[in-house]
Structures are given as structure tokens and as C-alpha cells.
Amino acid sequence: MKTPDAPDFSNEISRRQWLLRLGEMLALAGVSGIVPAAPLLAIEQESAELPPGLYLPSSDHLVHALSSGNRWITPLSGTETDYALPAAAPYRAKCFSAEEFAVVMRMVEVILGKIGPDALAQTAQWTDLWFHSSVGVREAARHLDPLHRALAVAFYGDSVVKELETADLVSIAHSGIAALHKSSMERYGGAFLSLGIERQSELLRSVSEMKAEDPLPRFLGLIRAEAIRGYYTSAAGLKELDYKGNAYYGESPGCGLISESG
């Protein structure tokens, strides 16, 4: 008999059943190459009473993903999931002109050092997309629900939220590239891309001597932050970090069995 003070484990039990069913399905899929549909249907039926906001994995999507064999796959018709597909044509920058994007790519290369061409291209593309999306991010930040904004201020601080609402990162980027060109011409008599790697590195290091409010230091700070973020979330960067996420272990790595005696 359940007393008023007794803990309610009903939800915990249903979650365990859900995970066990999903685990059984994945194990069978790995062994036989066949994805059984029955456990997934049972999961969806048993979990139909979950409150709004808890979303179930689609059996069609899971079957589609498990059967891909690590190949590029096309989205199912009517799917709401976005798939990252390889580009059929050369990348066209969304925030920068072709000339500006070449400068951004070289800056990323100088900042990160010697990395592979694929990783360099992916990181530069990430940086361009980040600047491009900043317009929509700023607009969304300006229209936050007051309660959501109050929560953001409490968590991140008022200055961070105001910066998100007001900073025009695209203008900073274009002004920064123009300032970089001017500084390169004044210092070396040539455009940034015409300089050797040593002079390019020297020029970027000299930016620290400028006033923080100048366009070039602000732009370089943003490029540096996004270059690091973009590279170390790419396949090459994660491999360099020896990232072990998204992997299954039978037991926790590095932890031996604990004896009963303690």
C-alpha cells in the first residue's frame, strides 16, 4: 500500500522500460541488421500519455538512420528534421564577399596554424555562417518574452544580453576587414593576402596594441573565438582532442571494479 509520503516511482519505471525497449531494439539492429518495428510501436503506445513537450523518437527516422551504414542519407518525405548534406557546388559566402571571405579564411589559417584543407574550409564556412546568422539572433533577442529575458539576464548577466540585442556583428566584420586592409597597406605597402605568412602573423599580433574599441581588434576577437569553436567541433578538431563522446561503453573507462571491502 502506498503511503502519502512514499516516493512515486511510476514515471521512473516507465522511463526504464522505455530505455530497455530501445536498447533491445538497437542491440538487435546491430546483430542482425534488421530493425524490429514492434518494440518501437510499443514504446510509442505506452508513452502516449506523456505530457506535451516530451517528444518521442520517430520509428521511421530511427530505422532510416540505422540503415544508412554511415553513408550520406537523404531526408524522408515530409520529415521535419534537417539533414546536413554535402554541397554539390563550391561554397558561396553568405555574409562576406568572395574577396572578404578569402581574407577570413587566411585569418583563420593564421590563427589555427597548420590544419588540413577540409578542416580549414569547414571552419571558415562556420565563421561566415555565424556572422550571417547574427542578424536573426539579434532580432530574436530583441523580441524575447519578458520572463525569458529576465531569466537570460539572471544567468548570463545584463551586459551579455544587451550586447546580444544591440551588437551589429556584420557591420563590425566589414569594418574590421577594411581596417585590416588599411593597416596592411600602411605597414607593409600591400594588401593582407599579398603578404607572406610571417608578415600576416606579425600584423595580426600587432592588433593587440590598438584600442579595444577600434573595429579591427573587435573583429579579430570574434574571428579568433569562432575559428577555435568551429575547428574544435569539426571532425578533425574532435579527433585532435581525442573526443570520446557519442560512444557506448560496457563499463566506465578508467574505472576498475570496486571490491566489497572498499
C-alpha atoms as a PDB file:
ATOM      1  CA  MET A   1       0.000   0.000   0.000  1.00  0.00           C
ATOM      2  CA  LYS A   2       1.331   3.419  -0.956  1.00  0.00           C
ATOM      3  CA  THR A   3       1.517   5.937   1.871  1.00  0.00           C
ATOM      4  CA  PRO A   4       1.172   9.709   1.291  1.00  0.00           C
ATOM      5  CA  ASP A   5       4.885  10.219   1.973  1.00  0.00           C
ATOM      6  CA  ALA A   6       6.101   7.369  -0.183  1.00  0.00           C
ATOM      7  CA  PRO A   7       8.042   8.356  -3.310  1.00  0.00           C
ATOM      8  CA  ASP A   8       6.310   7.820  -6.647  1.00  0.00           C
ATOM      9  CA  PHE A   9       8.477   5.631  -8.872  1.00  0.00           C
ATOM     10  CA  SER A  10       5.877   5.120 -11.604  1.00  0.00           C
ATOM     11  CA  ASN A  11       7.490   7.584 -14.006  1.00  0.00           C
ATOM     12  CA  GLU A  12      10.933   6.169 -13.289  1.00  0.00           C
ATOM     13  CA  ILE A  13       9.698   2.660 -14.069  1.00  0.00           C
ATOM     14  CA  SER A  14       8.186   3.776 -17.375  1.00  0.00           C
ATOM     15  CA  ARG A  15      11.429   5.528 -18.308  1.00  0.00           C
ATOM     16  CA  ARG A  16      13.403   2.393 -17.543  1.00  0.00           C
ATOM     17  CA  GLN A  17      11.049   0.313 -19.655  1.00  0.00           C
ATOM     18  CA  TRP A  18      11.394   2.799 -22.481  1.00  0.00           C
ATOM     19  CA  LEU A  19      15.202   2.665 -22.350  1.00  0.00           C
ATOM     20  CA  LEU A  20      15.252  -1.117 -22.087  1.00  0.00           C
ATOM     21  CA  ARG A  21      12.984  -1.450 -25.086  1.00  0.00           C
ATOM     22  CA  LEU A  22      15.079   0.982 -27.101  1.00  0.00           C
ATOM     23  CA  GLY A  23      18.277  -0.778 -26.023  1.00  0.00           C
ATOM     24  CA  GLU A  24      16.880  -4.152 -27.091  1.00  0.00           C
ATOM     25  CA  MET A  25      15.917  -2.734 -30.457  1.00  0.00           C
ATOM     26  CA  LEU A  26      19.353  -1.220 -31.052  1.00  0.00           C
ATOM     27  CA  ALA A  27      21.111  -4.407 -29.987  1.00  0.00           C
ATOM     28  CA  LEU A  28      19.020  -6.484 -32.385  1.00  0.00           C
ATOM     29  CA  ALA A  29      19.651  -3.977 -35.158  1.00  0.00           C
ATOM     30  CA  GLY A  30      23.405  -4.200 -34.611  1.00  0.00           C
ATOM     31  CA  VAL A  31      23.443  -8.011 -34.572  1.00  0.00           C
ATOM     32  CA  SER A  32      21.027  -8.848 -37.367  1.00  0.00           C
ATOM     33  CA  GLY A  33      20.989  -5.687 -39.455  1.00  0.00           C
ATOM     34  CA  ILE A  34      17.193  -5.741 -39.191  1.00  0.00           C
ATOM     35  CA  VAL A  35      15.337  -3.106 -37.229  1.00  0.00           C
ATOM     36  CA  PRO A  36      12.345  -4.624 -35.428  1.00  0.00           C
ATOM     37  CA  ALA A  37       9.326  -2.355 -35.577  1.00  0.00           C
ATOM     38  CA  ALA A  38       7.319  -3.915 -32.725  1.00  0.00           C
ATOM     39  CA  PRO A  39       9.333  -2.516 -29.773  1.00  0.00           C
ATOM     40  CA  LEU A  40       9.175   0.972 -31.252  1.00  0.00           C
ATOM     41  CA  LEU A  41       5.434   0.771 -31.715  1.00  0.00           C
ATOM     42  CA  ALA A  42       5.064  -0.460 -28.137  1.00  0.00           C
ATOM     43  CA  ILE A  43       7.191   2.439 -26.887  1.00  0.00           C
ATOM     44  CA  GLU A  44       5.040   4.975 -28.707  1.00  0.00           C
ATOM     45  CA  GLN A  45       1.815   3.408 -27.482  1.00  0.00           C
ATOM     46  CA  GLU A  46       2.914   3.140 -23.840  1.00  0.00           C
ATOM     47  CA  SER A  47       4.299   6.677 -23.811  1.00  0.00           C
ATOM     48  CA  ALA A  48       1.254   8.296 -25.400  1.00  0.00           C
ATOM     49  CA  GLU A  49       0.182   9.681 -22.017  1.00  0.00           C
ATOM     50  CA  LEU A  50       3.362  11.732 -21.522  1.00  0.00           C
ATOM     51  CA  PRO A  51       2.651  15.452 -21.082  1.00  0.00           C
ATOM     52  CA  PRO A  52       3.158  17.871 -24.006  1.00  0.00           C
ATOM     53  CA  GLY A  53       6.774  18.854 -24.524  1.00  0.00           C
ATOM     54  CA  LEU A  54       8.234  15.340 -24.272  1.00  0.00           C
ATOM     55  CA  TYR A  55       8.745  14.103 -27.802  1.00  0.00           C
ATOM     56  CA  LEU A  56       9.164  10.508 -28.908  1.00  0.00           C
ATOM     57  CA  PRO A  57      11.719   9.338 -31.462  1.00  0.00           C
ATOM     58  CA  SER A  58      10.063   8.560 -34.767  1.00  0.00           C
ATOM     59  CA  SER A  59      10.427   4.879 -35.638  1.00  0.00           C
ATOM     60  CA  ASP A  60      10.660   5.789 -39.337  1.00  0.00           C
ATOM     61  CA  HIS A  61      13.505   8.197 -38.659  1.00  0.00           C
ATOM     62  CA  LEU A  62      15.373   5.719 -36.442  1.00  0.00           C
ATOM     63  CA  VAL A  63      15.034   2.916 -38.991  1.00  0.00           C
ATOM     64  CA  HIS A  64      16.206   5.275 -41.732  1.00  0.00           C
ATOM     65  CA  ALA A  65      19.243   6.395 -39.720  1.00  0.00           C
ATOM     66  CA  LEU A  66      20.209   2.891 -38.563  1.00  0.00           C
ATOM     67  CA  SER A  67      20.038   1.520 -42.099  1.00  0.00           C
ATOM     68  CA  SER A  68      22.259   4.225 -43.592  1.00  0.00           C
ATOM     69  CA  GLY A  69      25.547   2.402 -42.970  1.00  0.00           C
ATOM     70  CA  ASN A  70      27.275   5.718 -42.174  1.00  0.00           C
ATOM     71  CA  ARG A  71      26.557   6.946 -45.702  1.00  0.00           C
ATOM     72  CA  TRP A  72      25.079  10.293 -46.593  1.00  0.00           C
ATOM     73  CA  ILE A  73      21.323   9.914 -46.480  1.00  0.00           C
ATOM     74  CA  THR A  74      18.501  11.992 -47.890  1.00  0.00           C
ATOM     75  CA  PRO A  75      15.608  13.092 -45.702  1.00  0.00           C
ATOM     76  CA  LEU A  76      12.390  11.123 -45.678  1.00  0.00           C
ATOM     77  CA  SER A  77       9.494  12.784 -47.455  1.00  0.00           C
ATOM     78  CA  GLY A  78       7.595  15.030 -45.083  1.00  0.00           C
ATOM     79  CA  THR A  79      10.306  14.944 -42.402  1.00  0.00           C
ATOM     80  CA  GLU A  80      10.779  17.912 -40.071  1.00  0.00           C
ATOM     81  CA  THR A  81      14.432  17.026 -39.494  1.00  0.00           C
ATOM     82  CA  ASP A  82      17.206  18.986 -41.185  1.00  0.00           C
ATOM     83  CA  TYR A  83      19.929  16.841 -42.715  1.00  0.00           C
ATOM     84  CA  ALA A  84      23.475  18.081 -43.312  1.00  0.00           C
ATOM     85  CA  LEU A  85      24.237  17.103 -46.889  1.00  0.00           C
ATOM     86  CA  PRO A  86      27.485  17.564 -48.831  1.00  0.00           C
ATOM     87  CA  ALA A  87      27.415  20.651 -51.019  1.00  0.00           C
ATOM     88  CA  ALA A  88      27.041  19.952 -54.725  1.00  0.00           C
ATOM     89  CA  ALA A  89      28.726  23.244 -55.659  1.00  0.00           C
ATOM     90  CA  PRO A  90      31.585  25.334 -54.204  1.00  0.00           C
ATOM     91  CA  TYR A  91      30.630  27.197 -51.046  1.00  0.00           C
ATOM     92  CA  ARG A  92      29.379  30.740 -51.534  1.00  0.00           C
ATOM     93  CA  ALA A  93      29.788  33.003 -48.523  1.00  0.00           C
ATOM     94  CA  LYS A  94      26.575  34.438 -47.090  1.00  0.00           C
ATOM     95  CA  CYS A  95      27.968  37.305 -45.036  1.00  0.00           C
ATOM     96  CA  PHE A  96      31.164  38.219 -46.882  1.00  0.00           C
ATOM     97  CA  SER A  97      32.018  38.954 -50.484  1.00  0.00           C
ATOM     98  CA  ALA A  98      34.331  36.479 -52.243  1.00  0.00           C
ATOM     99  CA  GLU A  99      37.327  38.764 -51.594  1.00  0.00           C
ATOM    100  CA  GLU A 100      36.387  39.258 -47.939  1.00  0.00           C
ATOM    101  CA  PHE A 101      35.861  35.524 -47.429  1.00  0.00           C
ATOM    102  CA  ALA A 102      39.344  34.827 -48.781  1.00  0.00           C
ATOM    103  CA  VAL A 103      40.704  37.201 -46.118  1.00  0.00           C
ATOM    104  CA  VAL A 104      38.637  35.475 -43.424  1.00  0.00           C
ATOM    105  CA  MET A 105      39.948  32.074 -44.494  1.00  0.00           C
ATOM    106  CA  ARG A 106      43.543  33.284 -44.345  1.00  0.00           C
ATOM    107  CA  MET A 107      42.962  34.825 -40.909  1.00  0.00           C
ATOM    108  CA  VAL A 108      41.537  31.501 -39.692  1.00  0.00           C
ATOM    109  CA  GLU A 109      44.578  29.704 -41.088  1.00  0.00           C
ATOM    110  CA  VAL A 110      46.978  32.088 -39.327  1.00  0.00           C
ATOM    111  CA  ILE A 111      45.092  31.773 -36.047  1.00  0.00           C
ATOM    112  CA  LEU A 112      44.819  27.963 -36.054  1.00  0.00           C
ATOM    113  CA  GLY A 113      48.174  27.153 -37.626  1.00  0.00           C
ATOM    114  CA  LYS A 114      48.741  24.179 -39.899  1.00  0.00           C
ATOM    115  CA  ILE A 115      45.448  22.314 -40.336  1.00  0.00           C
ATOM    116  CA  GLY A 116      44.090  20.252 -43.199  1.00  0.00           C
ATOM    117  CA  PRO A 117      42.374  21.972 -46.139  1.00  0.00           C
ATOM    118  CA  ASP A 118      38.995  20.353 -45.392  1.00  0.00           C
ATOM    119  CA  ALA A 119      39.075  21.443 -41.742  1.00  0.00           C
ATOM    120  CA  LEU A 120      40.175  24.937 -42.776  1.00  0.00           C
ATOM    121  CA  ALA A 121      37.325  25.249 -45.286  1.00  0.00           C
ATOM    122  CA  GLN A 122      34.753  23.968 -42.777  1.00  0.00           C
ATOM    123  CA  THR A 123      35.976  26.352 -40.073  1.00  0.00           C
ATOM    124  CA  ALA A 124      35.924  29.357 -42.403  1.00  0.00           C
ATOM    125  CA  GLN A 125      32.419  28.411 -43.560  1.00  0.00           C
ATOM    126  CA  TRP A 126      31.268  28.094 -39.950  1.00  0.00           C
ATOM    127  CA  THR A 127      32.644  31.583 -39.240  1.00  0.00           C
ATOM    128  CA  ASP A 128      30.820  33.053 -42.239  1.00  0.00           C
ATOM    129  CA  LEU A 129      27.548  31.353 -41.263  1.00  0.00           C
ATOM    130  CA  TRP A 130      27.931  32.545 -37.660  1.00  0.00           C
ATOM    131  CA  PHE A 131      28.247  36.182 -38.748  1.00  0.00           C
ATOM    132  CA  HIS A 132      25.388  35.746 -41.222  1.00  0.00           C
ATOM    133  CA  SER A 133      23.060  34.262 -38.591  1.00  0.00           C
ATOM    134  CA  SER A 134      23.879  37.003 -36.068  1.00  0.00           C
ATOM    135  CA  VAL A 135      21.261  39.256 -37.700  1.00  0.00           C
ATOM    136  CA  GLY A 136      18.464  36.791 -36.961  1.00  0.00           C
ATOM    137  CA  VAL A 137      19.844  36.100 -33.491  1.00  0.00           C
ATOM    138  CA  ARG A 138      19.822  39.813 -32.645  1.00  0.00           C
ATOM    139  CA  GLU A 139      16.272  40.183 -33.916  1.00  0.00           C
ATOM    140  CA  ALA A 140      15.114  37.181 -31.880  1.00  0.00           C
ATOM    141  CA  ALA A 141      16.860  38.545 -28.768  1.00  0.00           C
ATOM    142  CA  ARG A 142      15.022  41.845 -29.126  1.00  0.00           C
ATOM    143  CA  HIS A 143      11.667  40.076 -29.099  1.00  0.00           C
ATOM    144  CA  LEU A 144      12.169  37.719 -26.169  1.00  0.00           C
ATOM    145  CA  ASP A 145       9.308  37.216 -23.781  1.00  0.00           C
ATOM    146  CA  PRO A 146       9.989  39.446 -20.724  1.00  0.00           C
ATOM    147  CA  LEU A 147      10.205  36.400 -18.450  1.00  0.00           C
ATOM    148  CA  HIS A 148      12.666  34.689 -20.798  1.00  0.00           C
ATOM    149  CA  ARG A 149      14.759  37.859 -20.961  1.00  0.00           C
ATOM    150  CA  ALA A 150      14.787  38.128 -17.163  1.00  0.00           C
ATOM    151  CA  LEU A 151      15.993  34.530 -16.978  1.00  0.00           C
ATOM    152  CA  ALA A 152      18.729  35.238 -19.540  1.00  0.00           C
ATOM    153  CA  VAL A 153      19.881  38.295 -17.582  1.00  0.00           C
ATOM    154  CA  ALA A 154      19.953  36.302 -14.334  1.00  0.00           C
ATOM    155  CA  PHE A 155      22.008  33.537 -15.953  1.00  0.00           C
ATOM    156  CA  TYR A 156      24.354  35.408 -18.337  1.00  0.00           C
ATOM    157  CA  GLY A 157      24.357  38.934 -16.904  1.00  0.00           C
ATOM    158  CA  ASP A 158      22.783  42.152 -18.149  1.00  0.00           C
ATOM    159  CA  SER A 159      25.772  43.243 -20.245  1.00  0.00           C
ATOM    160  CA  VAL A 160      25.843  39.999 -22.238  1.00  0.00           C
ATOM    161  CA  VAL A 161      22.134  40.192 -23.022  1.00  0.00           C
ATOM    162  CA  LYS A 162      22.356  43.852 -24.044  1.00  0.00           C
ATOM    163  CA  GLU A 163      25.319  43.068 -26.286  1.00  0.00           C
ATOM    164  CA  LEU A 164      23.290  40.342 -27.969  1.00  0.00           C
ATOM    165  CA  GLU A 165      20.392  42.751 -28.503  1.00  0.00           C
ATOM    166  CA  THR A 166      22.430  45.658 -29.858  1.00  0.00           C
ATOM    167  CA  ALA A 167      25.701  44.481 -31.430  1.00  0.00           C
ATOM    168  CA  ASP A 168      25.778  44.677 -35.235  1.00  0.00           C
ATOM    169  CA  LEU A 169      28.325  41.935 -35.889  1.00  0.00           C
ATOM    170  CA  VAL A 170      28.011  42.140 -39.664  1.00  0.00           C
ATOM    171  CA  SER A 171      28.995  45.827 -39.616  1.00  0.00           C
ATOM    172  CA  ILE A 172      31.864  45.016 -37.246  1.00  0.00           C
ATOM    173  CA  ALA A 173      33.053  42.335 -39.687  1.00  0.00           C
ATOM    174  CA  HIS A 174      33.014  44.593 -42.752  1.00  0.00           C
ATOM    175  CA  SER A 175      34.626  47.464 -40.843  1.00  0.00           C
ATOM    176  CA  GLY A 176      37.247  45.097 -39.443  1.00  0.00           C
ATOM    177  CA  ILE A 177      38.240  43.796 -42.869  1.00  0.00           C
ATOM    178  CA  ALA A 178      38.503  47.359 -44.185  1.00  0.00           C
ATOM    179  CA  ALA A 179      40.676  48.308 -41.182  1.00  0.00           C
ATOM    180  CA  LEU A 180      42.863  45.234 -41.760  1.00  0.00           C
ATOM    181  CA  HIS A 181      43.430  46.258 -45.374  1.00  0.00           C
ATOM    182  CA  LYS A 182      44.294  49.823 -44.340  1.00  0.00           C
ATOM    183  CA  SER A 183      46.695  48.635 -41.650  1.00  0.00           C
ATOM    184  CA  SER A 184      48.375  46.216 -44.066  1.00  0.00           C
ATOM    185  CA  MET A 185      48.858  48.907 -46.700  1.00  0.00           C
ATOM    186  CA  GLU A 186      50.262  51.394 -44.195  1.00  0.00           C
ATOM    187  CA  ARG A 187      52.608  48.903 -42.546  1.00  0.00           C
ATOM    188  CA  TYR A 188      53.817  46.805 -45.486  1.00  0.00           C
ATOM    189  CA  GLY A 189      52.629  48.590 -48.620  1.00  0.00           C
ATOM    190  CA  GLY A 190      50.476  45.694 -49.766  1.00  0.00           C
ATOM    191  CA  ALA A 191      47.120  44.029 -49.237  1.00  0.00           C
ATOM    192  CA  PHE A 192      46.827  41.422 -46.496  1.00  0.00           C
ATOM    193  CA  LEU A 193      46.535  38.455 -48.879  1.00  0.00           C
ATOM    194  CA  SER A 194      49.670  39.542 -50.771  1.00  0.00           C
ATOM    195  CA  LEU A 195      51.819  39.265 -47.632  1.00  0.00           C
ATOM    196  CA  GLY A 196      53.771  36.204 -46.582  1.00  0.00           C
ATOM    197  CA  ILE A 197      52.578  34.153 -43.636  1.00  0.00           C
ATOM    198  CA  GLU A 198      55.157  35.691 -41.267  1.00  0.00           C
ATOM    199  CA  ARG A 199      54.057  39.256 -42.004  1.00  0.00           C
ATOM    200  CA  GLN A 200      50.399  38.267 -41.780  1.00  0.00           C
ATOM    201  CA  SER A 201      51.015  36.747 -38.349  1.00  0.00           C
ATOM    202  CA  GLU A 202      53.006  39.806 -37.280  1.00  0.00           C
ATOM    203  CA  LEU A 203      50.207  42.115 -38.406  1.00  0.00           C
ATOM    204  CA  LEU A 204      47.538  40.180 -36.505  1.00  0.00           C
ATOM    205  CA  ARG A 205      49.716  40.137 -33.375  1.00  0.00           C
ATOM    206  CA  SER A 206      50.119  43.912 -33.604  1.00  0.00           C
ATOM    207  CA  VAL A 207      46.342  44.329 -33.327  1.00  0.00           C
ATOM    208  CA  SER A 208      46.673  43.860 -29.556  1.00  0.00           C
ATOM    209  CA  GLU A 209      48.418  47.263 -29.441  1.00  0.00           C
ATOM    210  CA  MET A 210      45.329  49.012 -30.830  1.00  0.00           C
ATOM    211  CA  LYS A 211      42.471  50.402 -28.772  1.00  0.00           C
ATOM    212  CA  ALA A 212      39.900  47.781 -27.853  1.00  0.00           C
ATOM    213  CA  GLU A 213      37.048  49.842 -29.313  1.00  0.00           C
ATOM    214  CA  ASP A 214      38.693  50.044 -32.760  1.00  0.00           C
ATOM    215  CA  PRO A 215      36.988  47.894 -35.422  1.00  0.00           C
ATOM    216  CA  LEU A 216      39.975  45.644 -36.117  1.00  0.00           C
ATOM    217  CA  PRO A 217      40.546  44.354 -32.537  1.00  0.00           C
ATOM    218  CA  ARG A 218      36.818  43.663 -32.135  1.00  0.00           C
ATOM    219  CA  PHE A 219      36.680  41.823 -35.461  1.00  0.00           C
ATOM    220  CA  LEU A 220      39.820  39.801 -34.763  1.00  0.00           C
ATOM    221  CA  GLY A 221      38.478  38.793 -31.341  1.00  0.00           C
ATOM    222  CA  LEU A 222      35.281  37.484 -32.924  1.00  0.00           C
ATOM    223  CA  ILE A 223      37.172  35.652 -35.678  1.00  0.00           C
ATOM    224  CA  ARG A 224      39.524  34.064 -33.144  1.00  0.00           C
ATOM    225  CA  ALA A 225      36.675  32.852 -30.930  1.00  0.00           C
ATOM    226  CA  GLU A 226      34.651  31.382 -33.793  1.00  0.00           C
ATOM    227  CA  ALA A 227      37.699  29.856 -35.509  1.00  0.00           C
ATOM    228  CA  ILE A 228      38.524  27.954 -32.325  1.00  0.00           C
ATOM    229  CA  ARG A 229      34.899  26.950 -31.772  1.00  0.00           C
ATOM    230  CA  GLY A 230      34.402  25.943 -35.405  1.00  0.00           C
ATOM    231  CA  TYR A 231      37.583  23.881 -35.654  1.00  0.00           C
ATOM    232  CA  TYR A 232      37.228  22.024 -32.375  1.00  0.00           C
ATOM    233  CA  THR A 233      33.668  21.000 -33.206  1.00  0.00           C
ATOM    234  CA  SER A 234      34.688  19.717 -36.653  1.00  0.00           C
ATOM    235  CA  ALA A 235      35.616  16.067 -37.263  1.00  0.00           C
ATOM    236  CA  ALA A 236      39.330  16.951 -37.417  1.00  0.00           C
ATOM    237  CA  GLY A 237      39.196  19.044 -34.248  1.00  0.00           C
ATOM    238  CA  LEU A 238      37.299  16.414 -32.282  1.00  0.00           C
ATOM    239  CA  LYS A 239      39.826  13.786 -33.394  1.00  0.00           C
ATOM    240  CA  GLU A 240      42.673  16.046 -32.280  1.00  0.00           C
ATOM    241  CA  LEU A 241      41.001  16.351 -28.869  1.00  0.00           C
ATOM    242  CA  ASP A 242      40.555  12.559 -28.779  1.00  0.00           C
ATOM    243  CA  TYR A 243      36.870  13.196 -28.128  1.00  0.00           C
ATOM    244  CA  LYS A 244      35.104  10.088 -26.826  1.00  0.00           C
ATOM    245  CA  GLY A 245      31.521  11.292 -26.837  1.00  0.00           C
ATOM    246  CA  ASN A 246      28.624   9.552 -28.568  1.00  0.00           C
ATOM    247  CA  ALA A 247      30.192   6.175 -27.866  1.00  0.00           C
ATOM    248  CA  TYR A 248      28.898   3.181 -25.910  1.00  0.00           C
ATOM    249  CA  TYR A 249      30.943   1.584 -23.155  1.00  0.00           C
ATOM    250  CA  GLY A 250      30.100  -1.622 -21.339  1.00  0.00           C
ATOM    251  CA  GLU A 251      31.715  -0.114 -18.259  1.00  0.00           C
ATOM    252  CA  SER A 252      33.076   3.290 -17.399  1.00  0.00           C
ATOM    253  CA  PRO A 253      36.559   3.768 -18.953  1.00  0.00           C
ATOM    254  CA  GLY A 254      39.378   4.053 -16.437  1.00  0.00           C
ATOM    255  CA  CYS A 255      37.310   2.773 -13.521  1.00  0.00           C
ATOM    256  CA  GLY A 256      38.129  -0.662 -12.180  1.00  0.00           C
ATOM    257  CA  LEU A 257      35.807  -2.818 -10.108  1.00  0.00           C
ATOM    258  CA  ILE A 258      35.385  -1.739  -6.509  1.00  0.00           C
ATOM    259  CA  SER A 259      35.913  -4.526  -4.020  1.00  0.00           C
ATOM    260  CA  GLU A 260      33.278  -5.269  -1.410  1.00  0.00           C
ATOM    261  CA  SER A 261      35.735  -4.469   1.320  1.00  0.00           C
ATOM    262  CA  GLY A 262      36.038  -0.903  -0.005  1.00  0.00           C
END
